[in-house]
Each structure stands twice: as structure tokens, then as C-alpha cells.
Protein backbone atom coordinates (compact mmCIF):
# COMPACT_ATOMS: atom_id res chain seq x y z
CA MET A 1 -2.42 -15.25 -19.79
CA GLU A 2 -6.11 -14.62 -19.16
CA ASP A 3 -6.23 -17.67 -16.92
CA ALA A 4 -3.42 -16.23 -14.81
CA VAL A 5 -5.21 -12.88 -14.51
CA SER A 6 -8.39 -14.68 -13.50
CA ASP A 7 -6.46 -16.75 -10.96
CA ALA A 8 -4.84 -13.61 -9.52
CA ILE A 9 -8.22 -11.92 -9.13
CA SER A 10 -9.71 -15.06 -7.57
CA ALA A 11 -6.85 -15.29 -5.08
CA ALA A 12 -7.35 -11.65 -4.09
CA LEU A 13 -11.10 -12.11 -3.70
CA ALA A 14 -10.39 -15.10 -1.45
CA GLN A 15 -7.92 -12.89 0.47
CA ASN A 16 -5.14 -15.35 -0.32
CA TRP A 17 -2.52 -12.62 -0.57
CA ASP A 18 0.49 -14.97 -0.81
CA ARG A 19 -1.02 -16.61 -3.87
CA ALA A 20 -2.13 -13.29 -5.38
CA ILE A 21 1.39 -11.91 -5.03
CA GLU A 22 2.91 -15.03 -6.56
CA ILE A 23 0.56 -15.06 -9.57
CA ASN A 24 0.90 -11.34 -10.27
CA LYS A 25 4.70 -11.57 -10.11
CA THR A 26 4.55 -14.41 -12.63
CA ILE A 27 2.39 -12.33 -14.96
CA LEU A 28 4.85 -9.44 -14.70
CA LYS A 29 7.71 -11.65 -15.92
CA ASN A 30 6.13 -11.51 -19.40
CA ASN A 31 5.19 -7.82 -19.30
CA LYS A 32 6.86 -5.81 -16.54
CA ASP A 33 4.98 -2.61 -17.41
CA ASP A 34 1.42 -3.99 -17.25
CA LEU A 35 -0.27 -1.35 -15.08
CA GLU A 36 -3.27 -3.50 -14.18
CA THR A 37 -1.04 -6.27 -12.90
CA LEU A 38 1.14 -3.75 -11.06
CA CYS A 39 -2.01 -2.38 -9.39
CA ARG A 40 -3.15 -5.85 -8.33
CA LEU A 41 0.32 -6.66 -7.00
CA ALA A 42 0.57 -3.37 -5.11
CA TYR A 43 -2.84 -3.95 -3.53
CA ALA A 44 -1.89 -7.50 -2.56
CA TYR A 45 1.30 -6.18 -0.94
CA LEU A 46 -0.75 -3.54 0.87
CA GLN A 47 -3.16 -6.15 2.24
CA TYR A 48 -0.28 -8.46 3.16
CA GLY A 49 1.37 -5.70 5.17
CA GLU A 50 4.30 -5.04 2.84
CA ILE A 51 3.67 -1.30 2.89
CA ASP A 52 7.03 -0.23 1.47
CA LYS A 53 6.69 -2.54 -1.53
CA ALA A 54 3.13 -1.36 -2.16
CA LYS A 55 4.19 2.29 -1.90
CA LYS A 56 7.03 1.74 -4.35
CA LEU A 57 4.74 0.05 -6.87
CA TYR A 58 2.08 2.76 -6.59
CA LYS A 59 4.76 5.39 -7.23
CA LYS A 60 5.84 3.44 -10.33
CA ILE A 61 2.24 3.23 -11.56
CA LEU A 62 1.68 6.94 -11.00
CA ALA A 63 4.90 7.76 -12.85
CA ALA A 64 3.52 5.91 -15.88
CA ASP A 65 -0.09 7.07 -15.48
CA ARG A 66 -0.59 9.96 -13.10
CA TYR A 67 -4.38 9.79 -13.54
CA ASN A 68 -4.72 6.20 -12.34
CA CYS A 69 -7.46 6.62 -9.74
CA VAL A 70 -6.83 3.34 -7.92
CA ALA A 71 -3.12 4.07 -7.53
CA GLN A 72 -3.82 7.65 -6.44
CA LYS A 73 -6.35 6.55 -3.80
CA ASN A 74 -4.21 3.78 -2.34
CA TYR A 75 -0.98 5.79 -2.43
CA LEU A 76 -2.69 8.60 -0.53
CA LYS A 77 -4.00 6.07 2.00
CA ILE A 78 -0.48 4.81 2.58
CA ILE A 79 0.98 8.31 2.94
CA SER A 80 -1.78 9.54 5.24
CA ASN A 81 -1.55 6.44 7.43
CA LEU A 82 2.22 6.81 7.71
CA LEU A 83 1.80 10.45 8.69
CA LEU A 84 -0.86 9.54 11.24
CA LEU A 85 1.34 6.81 12.74
CA ASN A 86 4.27 9.19 13.01
CA ARG A 87 2.05 11.85 14.58
CA LYS A 88 0.72 9.41 17.17
CA ARG A 89 4.19 8.13 17.90
CA PHE A 90 5.92 11.50 18.33
CA PHE A 91 3.24 14.05 19.22
CA PRO A 92 2.58 13.01 22.85
CA LYS A 93 6.27 13.17 23.80
CA ARG A 94 6.71 16.59 22.25
CA TRP A 95 3.50 17.80 23.82
CA ILE A 96 4.66 16.69 27.25
CA LEU A 97 8.11 18.20 26.74
CA PHE A 98 6.84 21.60 25.69
CA HIS A 99 3.54 21.78 27.58
CA PRO A 100 3.91 20.02 30.93
CA MET A 101 0.66 19.37 32.74
CA PRO A 102 0.20 21.01 36.15
CA GLU A 103 0.38 18.54 39.02
CA GLY A 104 -2.85 16.76 39.76
CA GLN A 105 -4.29 17.20 36.25
CA PHE A 106 -4.50 14.55 33.57
């Protein structure tokens, strides 16, 4: 088991997210509530671009341990980035609709 944890950490340090995800999933087969492994898996998903999976895992971690600093920090990053993306996507259209620019101004 310790070898698998070491391999998962090594894969993450090498930014081999596919391998890190695979190893952490294997570790979770034996203990599905291991918070450290869940944190590593969530972070690997986050780095791999699987934001929804990472968000779901961080919520699960925080439900079990609401004081988990790593989960809190990364969950807040996800939420704030999603809000920022939505703001950038929708704000300009609404701004133009409700506050049209006078002709000749940018």
C-alpha cells in the first residue's frame, strides 16, 4: 500500500496525471474513504481538466472533514474560477444590452 501511495505522489510530481489518477483509483478500491487519497485524486482530476470530478471529490472530502485546508482551498479555487468564467461569458452581452455605447465611442 505504501508503494502505491509513493507511486501516486511520484506520478503527480512528474505531472503524469493519467498515471496519478489510475494509481489513486486503485488505492481507493481498498479504502474508499481515505481522505488523503481522495485529495490526491481530486487534485489530479483538477490538473487533468476534469473540473466536475474534482469538484465532486472536494465536496465529498469537505463533507467528511470540513476543516481540510487543501480541500477548502482547491474547492474555493474551482468555484471562484467558474464564477469568473461565467461573469466573463455573460457580463459583456448584458452590459451592451442595458448600457449601449454612444456611436463613435469604444
